[in-house]
Structures are given as C-alpha cells and as structure tokens.
Amino acid sequence: MKTPVLIFESIPAGTVRQLIEREIKRPAKMDKVLIRFFPGQQNTLTVRPYIRKTSGAVQELSMYTGETSFAGDDNDVPFAVDVAIDQYDKVCIEVSNSSTYDYDAYVLFEIEYKGAVG
C-alpha cells in the first residue's frame, strides 16, 4: 500500500536554504514526488527534494530532464522516481524564499513500505 509523506511548512520571507526532513522508520520504495506551488509565489520559492541516507550521503531526486531544483507559480510539478529507502533514511527538502512574503512549501513523497506492517 502506498503511503504519502508530506512536508508542508511555512517558509519566511528572505529564507535561504532552510532544510526540512522526515525520517522513514522502515525500508520502503519511493515512486513519485509532487511539488505544489501556490498562486502568487511567482517563482520566488525554490524547492530541492532529496534523500539523506543514514550514512550522510545525499541522493538527489530529479526529473527525467535532470532538474533537481524547482520553482513555480500556481502549478504542480509531479515526477516519477525509483528510489530505495533504507530504515532511518530521511526524505528532505532544501527550500529558499526570495520573496518579501512568507510562502508555504508543499512536497508530497509517495512511498511503499516493504514487508507487512506490525
């Protein structure tokens, strides 16, 4: 069964490289990332999704075009990935807000845990 892991945070105006992460408690597979940009953001909010392995290594999450950092205004940026997640790895975003307004960052990672629950 697929499970959404959501990062939805308010990012203060003028923020540079804020890091937000969620720990994954058991092995899983990620197959989709969805980044939502709300109306009015006008490409001032930049989001970079990635996985931080327990070893500290970073695994970039990119579109087929190779893009790893995204900005937008009133649009969704969905893309497929095929990523194995080990126990205690973290799904992360690095986000910057060059606006004079606070904006919300919304990133949904779709994962499927391995094995039975419980």
PDB file of N, CA and C in Angstrom:
ATOM      1  N   MET A   1       0.838  -1.178   0.000  1.00  0.00           N
ATOM      2  CA  MET A   1       0.000   0.000   0.000  1.00  0.00           C
ATOM      3  C   MET A   1       0.891   1.252   0.000  1.00  0.00           C
ATOM      4  N   LYS A   2       0.561   2.185  -0.860  1.00  0.00           N
ATOM      5  CA  LYS A   2       1.339   3.429  -0.957  1.00  0.00           C
ATOM      6  C   LYS A   2       0.929   4.375   0.158  1.00  0.00           C
ATOM      7  N   THR A   3       1.940   5.063   0.680  1.00  0.00           N
ATOM      8  CA  THR A   3       1.752   5.969   1.811  1.00  0.00           C
ATOM      9  C   THR A   3       2.336   7.325   1.458  1.00  0.00           C
ATOM     10  N   PRO A   4       1.566   8.404   1.651  1.00  0.00           N
ATOM     11  CA  PRO A   4       2.130   9.735   1.404  1.00  0.00           C
ATOM     12  C   PRO A   4       2.954  10.208   2.595  1.00  0.00           C
ATOM     13  N   VAL A   5       4.082  10.823   2.311  1.00  0.00           N
ATOM     14  CA  VAL A   5       4.883  11.501   3.325  1.00  0.00           C
ATOM     15  C   VAL A   5       4.903  12.964   2.893  1.00  0.00           C
ATOM     16  N   LEU A   6       4.273  13.809   3.698  1.00  0.00           N
ATOM     17  CA  LEU A   6       4.072  15.205   3.319  1.00  0.00           C
ATOM     18  C   LEU A   6       4.983  16.128   4.122  1.00  0.00           C
ATOM     19  N   ILE A   7       5.611  17.040   3.406  1.00  0.00           N
ATOM     20  CA  ILE A   7       6.283  18.178   4.044  1.00  0.00           C
ATOM     21  C   ILE A   7       5.496  19.414   3.610  1.00  0.00           C
ATOM     22  N   PHE A   8       4.881  20.075   4.576  1.00  0.00           N
ATOM     23  CA  PHE A   8       4.062  21.262   4.325  1.00  0.00           C
ATOM     24  C   PHE A   8       4.415  22.267   5.419  1.00  0.00           C
ATOM     25  N   GLU A   9       5.201  23.256   5.064  1.00  0.00           N
ATOM     26  CA  GLU A   9       5.733  24.205   6.047  1.00  0.00           C
ATOM     27  C   GLU A   9       5.660  25.624   5.499  1.00  0.00           C
ATOM     28  N   SER A  10       5.446  26.570   6.384  1.00  0.00           N
ATOM     29  CA  SER A  10       5.514  27.978   6.021  1.00  0.00           C
ATOM     30  C   SER A  10       6.983  28.406   6.011  1.00  0.00           C
ATOM     31  N   ILE A  11       7.377  29.043   4.921  1.00  0.00           N
ATOM     32  CA  ILE A  11       8.766  29.473   4.753  1.00  0.00           C
ATOM     33  C   ILE A  11       8.810  31.004   4.823  1.00  0.00           C
ATOM     34  N   PRO A  12       9.472  31.540   5.838  1.00  0.00           N
ATOM     35  CA  PRO A  12       9.510  33.003   5.992  1.00  0.00           C
ATOM     36  C   PRO A  12      10.183  33.711   4.814  1.00  0.00           C
ATOM     37  N   ALA A  13       9.733  34.915   4.548  1.00  0.00           N
ATOM     38  CA  ALA A  13      10.336  35.756   3.502  1.00  0.00           C
ATOM     39  C   ALA A  13      11.834  35.884   3.745  1.00  0.00           C
ATOM     40  N   GLY A  14      12.596  35.844   2.659  1.00  0.00           N
ATOM     41  CA  GLY A  14      14.037  36.028   2.747  1.00  0.00           C
ATOM     42  C   GLY A  14      14.817  34.803   3.212  1.00  0.00           C
ATOM     43  N   THR A  15      14.153  33.678   3.374  1.00  0.00           N
ATOM     44  CA  THR A  15      14.824  32.459   3.830  1.00  0.00           C
ATOM     45  C   THR A  15      15.775  31.935   2.756  1.00  0.00           C
ATOM     46  N   VAL A  16      16.976  31.564   3.169  1.00  0.00           N
ATOM     47  CA  VAL A  16      17.957  30.980   2.263  1.00  0.00           C
ATOM     48  C   VAL A  16      18.330  29.599   2.794  1.00  0.00           C
ATOM     49  N   ARG A  17      18.064  28.578   2.002  1.00  0.00           N
ATOM     50  CA  ARG A  17      18.481  27.200   2.276  1.00  0.00           C
ATOM     51  C   ARG A  17      17.984  26.638   3.610  1.00  0.00           C
ATOM     52  N   GLN A  18      16.684  26.726   3.859  1.00  0.00           N
ATOM     53  CA  GLN A  18      16.111  26.065   5.037  1.00  0.00           C
ATOM     54  C   GLN A  18      15.974  24.576   4.740  1.00  0.00           C
ATOM     55  N   LEU A  19      16.399  23.733   5.674  1.00  0.00           N
ATOM     56  CA  LEU A  19      16.328  22.291   5.499  1.00  0.00           C
ATOM     57  C   LEU A  19      15.201  21.733   6.354  1.00  0.00           C
ATOM     58  N   ILE A  20      14.362  20.886   5.735  1.00  0.00           N
ATOM     59  CA  ILE A  20      13.253  20.244   6.429  1.00  0.00           C
ATOM     60  C   ILE A  20      13.310  18.764   6.075  1.00  0.00           C
ATOM     61  N   GLU A  21      13.128  17.891   7.080  1.00  0.00           N
ATOM     62  CA  GLU A  21      13.258  16.459   6.815  1.00  0.00           C
ATOM     63  C   GLU A  21      12.253  15.650   7.615  1.00  0.00           C
ATOM     64  N   ARG A  22      11.966  14.447   7.105  1.00  0.00           N
ATOM     65  CA  ARG A  22      11.109  13.473   7.776  1.00  0.00           C
ATOM     66  C   ARG A  22      11.824  12.128   7.735  1.00  0.00           C
ATOM     67  N   GLU A  23      11.960  11.499   8.895  1.00  0.00           N
ATOM     68  CA  GLU A  23      12.632  10.202   8.968  1.00  0.00           C
ATOM     69  C   GLU A  23      11.680   9.083   8.570  1.00  0.00           C
ATOM     70  N   ILE A  24      12.198   8.144   7.795  1.00  0.00           N
ATOM     71  CA  ILE A  24      11.433   6.961   7.381  1.00  0.00           C
ATOM     72  C   ILE A  24      11.841   5.816   8.307  1.00  0.00           C
ATOM     73  N   LYS A  25      10.870   5.249   9.008  1.00  0.00           N
ATOM     74  CA  LYS A  25      11.152   4.305  10.099  1.00  0.00           C
ATOM     75  C   LYS A  25      11.490   2.884   9.644  1.00  0.00           C
ATOM     76  N   ARG A  26      11.148   2.546   8.387  1.00  0.00           N
ATOM     77  CA  ARG A  26      11.475   1.197   7.911  1.00  0.00           C
ATOM     78  C   ARG A  26      11.699   1.208   6.407  1.00  0.00           C
ATOM     79  N   PRO A  27      12.293   0.153   5.873  1.00  0.00           N
ATOM     80  CA  PRO A  27      12.615   0.133   4.442  1.00  0.00           C
ATOM     81  C   PRO A  27      11.377   0.382   3.571  1.00  0.00           C
ATOM     82  N   ALA A  28      11.598   1.102   2.479  1.00  0.00           N
ATOM     83  CA  ALA A  28      10.497   1.461   1.584  1.00  0.00           C
ATOM     84  C   ALA A  28      11.040   1.727   0.187  1.00  0.00           C
ATOM     85  N   LYS A  29      10.111   1.970  -0.725  1.00  0.00           N
ATOM     86  CA  LYS A  29      10.446   2.357  -2.101  1.00  0.00           C
ATOM     87  C   LYS A  29       9.652   3.609  -2.433  1.00  0.00           C
ATOM     88  N   MET A  30      10.324   4.619  -2.971  1.00  0.00           N
ATOM     89  CA  MET A  30       9.636   5.838  -3.404  1.00  0.00           C
ATOM     90  C   MET A  30       9.438   5.778  -4.904  1.00  0.00           C
ATOM     91  N   ASP A  31       8.214   6.140  -5.348  1.00  0.00           N
ATOM     92  CA  ASP A  31       7.983   6.119  -6.793  1.00  0.00           C
ATOM     93  C   ASP A  31       7.454   7.433  -7.363  1.00  0.00           C
ATOM     94  N   LYS A  32       7.151   8.414  -6.496  1.00  0.00           N
ATOM     95  CA  LYS A  32       6.624   9.674  -7.022  1.00  0.00           C
ATOM     96  C   LYS A  32       6.931  10.815  -6.061  1.00  0.00           C
ATOM     97  N   VAL A  33       7.185  11.985  -6.654  1.00  0.00           N
ATOM     98  CA  VAL A  33       7.342  13.233  -5.906  1.00  0.00           C
ATOM     99  C   VAL A  33       6.390  14.247  -6.537  1.00  0.00           C
ATOM    100  N   LEU A  34       5.671  14.984  -5.690  1.00  0.00           N
ATOM    101  CA  LEU A  34       4.784  16.039  -6.177  1.00  0.00           C
ATOM    102  C   LEU A  34       5.106  17.313  -5.401  1.00  0.00           C
ATOM    103  N   ILE A  35       5.485  18.353  -6.131  1.00  0.00           N
ATOM    104  CA  ILE A  35       5.737  19.659  -5.533  1.00  0.00           C
ATOM    105  C   ILE A  35       4.613  20.580  -5.982  1.00  0.00           C
ATOM    106  N   ARG A  36       3.969  21.241  -5.022  1.00  0.00           N
ATOM    107  CA  ARG A  36       2.865  22.155  -5.330  1.00  0.00           C
ATOM    108  C   ARG A  36       3.318  23.586  -5.062  1.00  0.00           C
ATOM    109  N   PHE A  37       3.136  24.441  -6.070  1.00  0.00           N
ATOM    110  CA  PHE A  37       3.411  25.875  -5.925  1.00  0.00           C
ATOM    111  C   PHE A  37       2.074  26.608  -5.947  1.00  0.00           C
ATOM    112  N   PHE A  38       1.813  27.403  -4.936  1.00  0.00           N
ATOM    113  CA  PHE A  38       0.533  28.078  -4.781  1.00  0.00           C
ATOM    114  C   PHE A  38       0.508  29.395  -5.548  1.00  0.00           C
ATOM    115  N   PRO A  39      -0.696  29.908  -5.847  1.00  0.00           N
ATOM    116  CA  PRO A  39      -0.813  31.168  -6.583  1.00  0.00           C
ATOM    117  C   PRO A  39      -0.085  32.310  -5.876  1.00  0.00           C
ATOM    118  N   GLY A  40       0.598  33.116  -6.668  1.00  0.00           N
ATOM    119  CA  GLY A  40       1.285  34.293  -6.149  1.00  0.00           C
ATOM    120  C   GLY A  40       2.753  34.082  -5.831  1.00  0.00           C
ATOM    121  N   GLN A  41       3.219  32.843  -5.845  1.00  0.00           N
ATOM    122  CA  GLN A  41       4.624  32.594  -5.481  1.00  0.00           C
ATOM    123  C   GLN A  41       5.598  33.098  -6.546  1.00  0.00           C
ATOM    124  N   GLN A  42       5.172  33.207  -7.763  1.00  0.00           N
ATOM    125  CA  GLN A  42       5.921  33.835  -8.854  1.00  0.00           C
ATOM    126  C   GLN A  42       7.391  33.411  -8.913  1.00  0.00           C
ATOM    127  N   ASN A  43       7.630  32.130  -8.792  1.00  0.00           N
ATOM    128  CA  ASN A  43       8.979  31.555  -8.906  1.00  0.00           C
ATOM    129  C   ASN A  43       9.952  32.043  -7.831  1.00  0.00           C
ATOM    130  N   THR A  44       9.435  32.578  -6.719  1.00  0.00           N
ATOM    131  CA  THR A  44      10.315  33.061  -5.652  1.00  0.00           C
ATOM    132  C   THR A  44      10.626  31.985  -4.615  1.00  0.00           C
ATOM    133  N   LEU A  45       9.837  30.899  -4.609  1.00  0.00           N
ATOM    134  CA  LEU A  45      10.091  29.782  -3.705  1.00  0.00           C
ATOM    135  C   LEU A  45      10.791  28.689  -4.512  1.00  0.00           C
ATOM    136  N   THR A  46      11.970  28.293  -4.072  1.00  0.00           N
ATOM    137  CA  THR A  46      12.752  27.263  -4.759  1.00  0.00           C
ATOM    138  C   THR A  46      12.850  26.051  -3.850  1.00  0.00           C
ATOM    139  N   VAL A  47      12.535  24.881  -4.412  1.00  0.00           N
ATOM    140  CA  VAL A  47      12.494  23.642  -3.637  1.00  0.00           C
ATOM    141  C   VAL A  47      13.406  22.598  -4.275  1.00  0.00           C
ATOM    142  N   ARG A  48      14.228  21.979  -3.458  1.00  0.00           N
ATOM    143  CA  ARG A  48      15.098  20.880  -3.897  1.00  0.00           C
ATOM    144  C   ARG A  48      14.807  19.655  -3.020  1.00  0.00           C
ATOM    145  N   PRO A  49      14.112  18.638  -3.562  1.00  0.00           N
ATOM    146  CA  PRO A  49      13.844  17.427  -2.785  1.00  0.00           C
ATOM    147  C   PRO A  49      15.002  16.435  -2.918  1.00  0.00           C
ATOM    148  N   TYR A  50      15.280  15.695  -1.844  1.00  0.00           N
ATOM    149  CA  TYR A  50      16.348  14.697  -1.893  1.00  0.00           C
ATOM    150  C   TYR A  50      16.190  13.705  -0.745  1.00  0.00           C
ATOM    151  N   ILE A  51      16.994  12.656  -0.770  1.00  0.00           N
ATOM    152  CA  ILE A  51      17.048  11.666   0.305  1.00  0.00           C
ATOM    153  C   ILE A  51      18.405  11.808   1.002  1.00  0.00           C
ATOM    154  N   ARG A  52      18.376  11.840   2.335  1.00  0.00           N
ATOM    155  CA  ARG A  52      19.622  11.808   3.100  1.00  0.00           C
ATOM    156  C   ARG A  52      19.731  10.412   3.699  1.00  0.00           C
ATOM    157  N   LYS A  53      20.729   9.669   3.218  1.00  0.00           N
ATOM    158  CA  LYS A  53      20.950   8.301   3.676  1.00  0.00           C
ATOM    159  C   LYS A  53      21.492   8.317   5.110  1.00  0.00           C
ATOM    160  N   THR A  54      21.334   7.211   5.805  1.00  0.00           N
ATOM    161  CA  THR A  54      21.844   7.138   7.184  1.00  0.00           C
ATOM    162  C   THR A  54      23.359   7.343   7.224  1.00  0.00           C
ATOM    163  N   SER A  55      24.039   7.059   6.121  1.00  0.00           N
ATOM    164  CA  SER A  55      25.495   7.272   6.035  1.00  0.00           C
ATOM    165  C   SER A  55      25.853   8.757   5.914  1.00  0.00           C
ATOM    166  N   GLY A  56      24.839   9.597   5.658  1.00  0.00           N
ATOM    167  CA  GLY A  56      25.078  11.021   5.442  1.00  0.00           C
ATOM    168  C   GLY A  56      25.116  11.403   3.969  1.00  0.00           C
ATOM    169  N   ALA A  57      25.196  10.387   3.096  1.00  0.00           N
ATOM    170  CA  ALA A  57      25.206  10.650   1.648  1.00  0.00           C
ATOM    171  C   ALA A  57      23.857  11.227   1.214  1.00  0.00           C
ATOM    172  N   VAL A  58      23.886  12.043   0.175  1.00  0.00           N
ATOM    173  CA  VAL A  58      22.678  12.650  -0.372  1.00  0.00           C
ATOM    174  C   VAL A  58      22.355  12.006  -1.715  1.00  0.00           C
ATOM    175  N   GLN A  59      21.099  11.612  -1.873  1.00  0.00           N
ATOM    176  CA  GLN A  59      20.630  11.071  -3.149  1.00  0.00           C
ATOM    177  C   GLN A  59      19.638  12.068  -3.736  1.00  0.00           C
ATOM    178  N   GLU A  60      20.037  12.700  -4.835  1.00  0.00           N
ATOM    179  CA  GLU A  60      19.182  13.688  -5.481  1.00  0.00           C
ATOM    180  C   GLU A  60      17.942  13.018  -6.072  1.00  0.00           C
ATOM    181  N   LEU A  61      16.838  13.744  -6.070  1.00  0.00           N
ATOM    182  CA  LEU A  61      15.608  13.306  -6.738  1.00  0.00           C
ATOM    183  C   LEU A  61      15.402  14.245  -7.906  1.00  0.00           C
ATOM    184  N   SER A  62      15.420  13.695  -9.115  1.00  0.00           N
ATOM    185  CA  SER A  62      15.374  14.559 -10.293  1.00  0.00           C
ATOM    186  C   SER A  62      14.345  14.090 -11.299  1.00  0.00           C
ATOM    187  N   MET A  63      13.904  15.036 -12.128  1.00  0.00           N
ATOM    188  CA  MET A  63      13.031  14.734 -13.257  1.00  0.00           C
ATOM    189  C   MET A  63      13.873  14.075 -14.352  1.00  0.00           C
ATOM    190  N   TYR A  64      13.205  13.568 -15.358  1.00  0.00           N
ATOM    191  CA  TYR A  64      13.894  12.958 -16.497  1.00  0.00           C
ATOM    192  C   TYR A  64      14.810  13.966 -17.203  1.00  0.00           C
ATOM    193  N   THR A  65      14.546  15.252 -17.008  1.00  0.00           N
ATOM    194  CA  THR A  65      15.374  16.301 -17.622  1.00  0.00           C
ATOM    195  C   THR A  65      16.662  16.539 -16.842  1.00  0.00           C
ATOM    196  N   GLY A  66      16.758  15.949 -15.660  1.00  0.00           N
ATOM    197  CA  GLY A  66      17.925  16.149 -14.816  1.00  0.00           C
ATOM    198  C   GLY A  66      17.762  17.268 -13.804  1.00  0.00           C
ATOM    199  N   GLU A  67      16.648  17.996 -13.867  1.00  0.00           N
ATOM    200  CA  GLU A  67      16.410  19.086 -12.911  1.00  0.00           C
ATOM    201  C   GLU A  67      16.291  18.536 -11.495  1.00  0.00           C
ATOM    202  N   THR A  68      16.920  19.214 -10.536  1.00  0.00           N
ATOM    203  CA  THR A  68      16.830  18.810  -9.136  1.00  0.00           C
ATOM    204  C   THR A  68      16.295  19.930  -8.240  1.00  0.00           C
ATOM    205  N   SER A  69      16.131  21.126  -8.788  1.00  0.00           N
ATOM    206  CA  SER A  69      15.627  22.268  -8.036  1.00  0.00           C
ATOM    207  C   SER A  69      14.485  22.887  -8.837  1.00  0.00           C
ATOM    208  N   PHE A  70      13.397  23.257  -8.138  1.00  0.00           N
ATOM    209  CA  PHE A  70      12.175  23.649  -8.834  1.00  0.00           C
ATOM    210  C   PHE A  70      11.583  24.925  -8.246  1.00  0.00           C
ATOM    211  N   ALA A  71      10.953  25.729  -9.115  1.00  0.00           N
ATOM    212  CA  ALA A  71      10.218  26.923  -8.711  1.00  0.00           C
ATOM    213  C   ALA A  71       8.974  26.999  -9.582  1.00  0.00           C
ATOM    214  N   GLY A  72       7.960  27.724  -9.109  1.00  0.00           N
ATOM    215  CA  GLY A  72       6.737  27.820  -9.901  1.00  0.00           C
ATOM    216  C   GLY A  72       5.785  28.851  -9.343  1.00  0.00           C
ATOM    217  N   ASP A  73       4.597  28.885  -9.950  1.00  0.00           N
ATOM    218  CA  ASP A  73       3.523  29.784  -9.528  1.00  0.00           C
ATOM    219  C   ASP A  73       2.199  29.162  -9.948  1.00  0.00           C
ATOM    220  N   ASP A  74       1.424  28.709  -8.975  1.00  0.00           N
ATOM    221  CA  ASP A  74       0.108  28.113  -9.223  1.00  0.00           C
ATOM    222  C   ASP A  74       0.196  26.894 -10.153  1.00  0.00           C
ATOM    223  N   ASN A  75       1.123  25.999  -9.835  1.00  0.00           N
ATOM    224  CA  ASN A  75       1.253  24.790 -10.646  1.00  0.00           C
ATOM    225  C   ASN A  75       1.789  23.635  -9.809  1.00  0.00           C
ATOM    226  N   ASP A  76       1.589  22.433 -10.317  1.00  0.00           N
ATOM    227  CA  ASP A  76       2.127  21.224  -9.716  1.00  0.00           C
ATOM    228  C   ASP A  76       3.305  20.741 -10.545  1.00  0.00           C
ATOM    229  N   VAL A  77       4.296  20.185  -9.866  1.00  0.00           N
ATOM    230  CA  VAL A  77       5.445  19.578 -10.538  1.00  0.00           C
ATOM    231  C   VAL A  77       5.523  18.124 -10.042  1.00  0.00           C
ATOM    232  N   PRO A  78       4.843  17.202 -10.766  1.00  0.00           N
ATOM    233  CA  PRO A  78       4.927  15.793 -10.391  1.00  0.00           C
ATOM    234  C   PRO A  78       6.006  15.102 -11.221  1.00  0.00           C
ATOM    235  N   PHE A  79       6.722  14.166 -10.610  1.00  0.00           N
ATOM    236  CA  PHE A  79       7.647  13.371 -11.403  1.00  0.00           C
ATOM    237  C   PHE A  79       7.867  12.007 -10.761  1.00  0.00           C
ATOM    238  N   ALA A  80       8.116  11.035 -11.627  1.00  0.00           N
ATOM    239  CA  ALA A  80       8.339   9.660 -11.197  1.00  0.00           C
ATOM    240  C   ALA A  80       9.794   9.466 -10.797  1.00  0.00           C
ATOM    241  N   VAL A  81       9.993   8.664  -9.766  1.00  0.00           N
ATOM    242  CA  VAL A  81      11.325   8.269  -9.323  1.00  0.00           C
ATOM    243  C   VAL A  81      11.277   6.777  -9.010  1.00  0.00           C
ATOM    244  N   ASP A  82      12.404   6.173  -8.890  1.00  0.00           N
ATOM    245  CA  ASP A  82      12.500   4.772  -8.485  1.00  0.00           C
ATOM    246  C   ASP A  82      13.653   4.690  -7.488  1.00  0.00           C
ATOM    247  N   VAL A  83      13.322   4.894  -6.200  1.00  0.00           N
ATOM    248  CA  VAL A  83      14.349   5.059  -5.183  1.00  0.00           C
ATOM    249  C   VAL A  83      14.099   4.114  -4.015  1.00  0.00           C
ATOM    250  N   ALA A  84      15.107   3.361  -3.648  1.00  0.00           N
ATOM    251  CA  ALA A  84      15.037   2.522  -2.449  1.00  0.00           C
ATOM    252  C   ALA A  84      15.380   3.380  -1.234  1.00  0.00           C
ATOM    253  N   ILE A  85      14.578   3.234  -0.180  1.00  0.00           N
ATOM    254  CA  ILE A  85      14.804   3.966   1.058  1.00  0.00           C
ATOM    255  C   ILE A  85      15.097   2.940   2.150  1.00  0.00           C
ATOM    256  N   ASP A  86      16.219   3.112   2.823  1.00  0.00           N
ATOM    257  CA  ASP A  86      16.584   2.216   3.920  1.00  0.00           C
ATOM    258  C   ASP A  86      15.980   2.723   5.231  1.00  0.00           C
ATOM    259  N   GLN A  87      15.902   1.840   6.214  1.00  0.00           N
ATOM    260  CA  GLN A  87      15.387   2.222   7.514  1.00  0.00           C
ATOM    261  C   GLN A  87      16.191   3.403   8.059  1.00  0.00           C
ATOM    262  N   TYR A  88      15.487   4.420   8.536  1.00  0.00           N
ATOM    263  CA  TYR A  88      16.028   5.643   9.133  1.00  0.00           C
ATOM    264  C   TYR A  88      16.643   6.625   8.141  1.00  0.00           C
ATOM    265  N   ASP A  89      16.531   6.369   6.820  1.00  0.00           N
ATOM    266  CA  ASP A  89      16.857   7.409   5.848  1.00  0.00           C
ATOM    267  C   ASP A  89      15.858   8.551   6.041  1.00  0.00           C
ATOM    268  N   LYS A  90      16.177   9.726   5.508  1.00  0.00           N
ATOM    269  CA  LYS A  90      15.287  10.876   5.650  1.00  0.00           C
ATOM    270  C   LYS A  90      14.910  11.425   4.281  1.00  0.00           C
ATOM    271  N   VAL A  91      13.611  11.710   4.094  1.00  0.00           N
ATOM    272  CA  VAL A  91      13.185  12.459   2.916  1.00  0.00           C
ATOM    273  C   VAL A  91      13.298  13.928   3.309  1.00  0.00           C
ATOM    274  N   CYS A  92      13.862  14.728   2.412  1.00  0.00           N
ATOM    275  CA  CYS A  92      14.222  16.103   2.769  1.00  0.00           C
ATOM    276  C   CYS A  92      13.862  17.070   1.651  1.00  0.00           C
ATOM    277  N   ILE A  93      13.727  18.329   2.058  1.00  0.00           N
ATOM    278  CA  ILE A  93      13.712  19.415   1.081  1.00  0.00           C
ATOM    279  C   ILE A  93      14.648  20.507   1.580  1.00  0.00           C
ATOM    280  N   GLU A  94      15.264  21.152   0.618  1.00  0.00           N
ATOM    281  CA  GLU A  94      16.008  22.385   0.865  1.00  0.00           C
ATOM    282  C   GLU A  94      15.205  23.459   0.159  1.00  0.00           C
ATOM    283  N   VAL A  95      14.800  24.491   0.879  1.00  0.00           N
ATOM    284  CA  VAL A  95      13.907  25.483   0.299  1.00  0.00           C
ATOM    285  C   VAL A  95      14.417  26.891   0.592  1.00  0.00           C
ATOM    286  N   SER A  96      14.278  27.757  -0.414  1.00  0.00           N
ATOM    287  CA  SER A  96      14.626  29.172  -0.283  1.00  0.00           C
ATOM    288  C   SER A  96      13.426  30.005  -0.721  1.00  0.00           C
ATOM    289  N   ASN A  97      13.258  31.152  -0.088  1.00  0.00           N
ATOM    290  CA  ASN A  97      12.162  32.059  -0.419  1.00  0.00           C
ATOM    291  C   ASN A  97      12.729  33.459  -0.606  1.00  0.00           C
ATOM    292  N   SER A  98      12.858  33.881  -1.857  1.00  0.00           N
ATOM    293  CA  SER A  98      13.440  35.199  -2.151  1.00  0.00           C
ATOM    294  C   SER A  98      12.403  36.322  -2.136  1.00  0.00           C
ATOM    295  N   SER A  99      11.164  35.994  -1.791  1.00  0.00           N
ATOM    296  CA  SER A  99      10.094  36.983  -1.753  1.00  0.00           C
ATOM    297  C   SER A  99      10.152  37.831  -0.480  1.00  0.00           C
ATOM    298  N   THR A 100       9.368  38.891  -0.458  1.00  0.00           N
ATOM    299  CA  THR A 100       9.180  39.678   0.759  1.00  0.00           C
ATOM    300  C   THR A 100       7.953  39.184   1.528  1.00  0.00           C
ATOM    301  N   TYR A 101       7.328  38.093   1.042  1.00  0.00           N
ATOM    302  CA  TYR A 101       6.174  37.474   1.692  1.00  0.00           C
ATOM    303  C   TYR A 101       6.527  36.062   2.139  1.00  0.00           C
ATOM    304  N   ASP A 102       5.892  35.594   3.220  1.00  0.00           N
ATOM    305  CA  ASP A 102       6.016  34.199   3.635  1.00  0.00           C
ATOM    306  C   ASP A 102       5.208  33.340   2.658  1.00  0.00           C
ATOM    307  N   TYR A 103       5.737  32.173   2.298  1.00  0.00           N
ATOM    308  CA  TYR A 103       5.027  31.247   1.420  1.00  0.00           C
ATOM    309  C   TYR A 103       5.103  29.835   1.977  1.00  0.00           C
ATOM    310  N   ASP A 104       4.129  29.014   1.585  1.00  0.00           N
ATOM    311  CA  ASP A 104       4.090  27.622   2.016  1.00  0.00           C
ATOM    312  C   ASP A 104       4.824  26.736   1.022  1.00  0.00           C
ATOM    313  N   ALA A 105       5.632  25.831   1.565  1.00  0.00           N
ATOM    314  CA  ALA A 105       6.278  24.785   0.758  1.00  0.00           C
ATOM    315  C   ALA A 105       5.463  23.515   0.945  1.00  0.00           C
ATOM    316  N   TYR A 106       5.135  22.849  -0.165  1.00  0.00           N
ATOM    317  CA  TYR A 106       4.333  21.625  -0.144  1.00  0.00           C
ATOM    318  C   TYR A 106       5.015  20.599  -1.036  1.00  0.00           C
ATOM    319  N   VAL A 107       5.504  19.532  -0.417  1.00  0.00           N
ATOM    320  CA  VAL A 107       6.124  18.442  -1.177  1.00  0.00           C
ATOM    321  C   VAL A 107       5.571  17.123  -0.651  1.00  0.00           C
ATOM    322  N   LEU A 108       5.043  16.321  -1.562  1.00  0.00           N
ATOM    323  CA  LEU A 108       4.473  15.021  -1.228  1.00  0.00           C
ATOM    324  C   LEU A 108       5.344  13.932  -1.842  1.00  0.00           C
ATOM    325  N   PHE A 109       5.868  13.059  -0.984  1.00  0.00           N
ATOM    326  CA  PHE A 109       6.650  11.902  -1.431  1.00  0.00           C
ATOM    327  C   PHE A 109       5.738  10.682  -1.320  1.00  0.00           C
ATOM    328  N   GLU A 110       5.597   9.918  -2.387  1.00  0.00           N
ATOM    329  CA  GLU A 110       4.759   8.721  -2.338  1.00  0.00           C
ATOM    330  C   GLU A 110       5.662   7.506  -2.173  1.00  0.00           C
ATOM    331  N   ILE A 111       5.494   6.796  -1.051  1.00  0.00           N
ATOM    332  CA  ILE A 111       6.346   5.646  -0.778  1.00  0.00           C
ATOM    333  C   ILE A 111       5.508   4.398  -0.508  1.00  0.00           C
ATOM    334  N   GLU A 112       6.146   3.268  -0.662  1.00  0.00           N
ATOM    335  CA  GLU A 112       5.502   1.993  -0.329  1.00  0.00           C
ATOM    336  C   GLU A 112       6.475   1.238   0.585  1.00  0.00           C
ATOM    337  N   TYR A 113       5.989   0.948   1.794  1.00  0.00           N
ATOM    338  CA  TYR A 113       6.837   0.230   2.744  1.00  0.00           C
ATOM    339  C   TYR A 113       6.995  -1.215   2.317  1.00  0.00           C
ATOM    340  N   LYS A 114       8.172  -1.766   2.606  1.00  0.00           N
ATOM    341  CA  LYS A 114       8.457  -3.160   2.272  1.00  0.00           C
ATOM    342  C   LYS A 114       7.993  -4.061   3.422  1.00  0.00           C
ATOM    343  N   GLY A 115       7.439  -5.213   3.074  1.00  0.00           N
ATOM    344  CA  GLY A 115       7.021  -6.177   4.102  1.00  0.00           C
ATOM    345  C   GLY A 115       5.723  -5.802   4.768  1.00  0.00           C
ATOM    346  N   ALA A 116       5.255  -6.663   5.640  1.00  0.00           N
ATOM    347  CA  ALA A 116       3.981  -6.468   6.332  1.00  0.00           C
ATOM    348  C   ALA A 116       4.125  -5.508   7.491  1.00  0.00           C
ATOM    349  N   VAL A 117       3.044  -4.840   7.799  1.00  0.00           N
ATOM    350  CA  VAL A 117       3.003  -3.924   8.935  1.00  0.00           C
ATOM    351  C   VAL A 117       2.759  -4.726  10.206  1.00  0.00           C
ATOM    352  N   GLY A 118       3.430  -4.318  11.293  1.00  0.00           N
ATOM    353  CA  GLY A 118       3.158  -4.938  12.583  1.00  0.00           C
ATOM    354  C   GLY A 118       4.112  -5.982  12.901  1.00  0.00           C
TER     355      GLY A 118
END
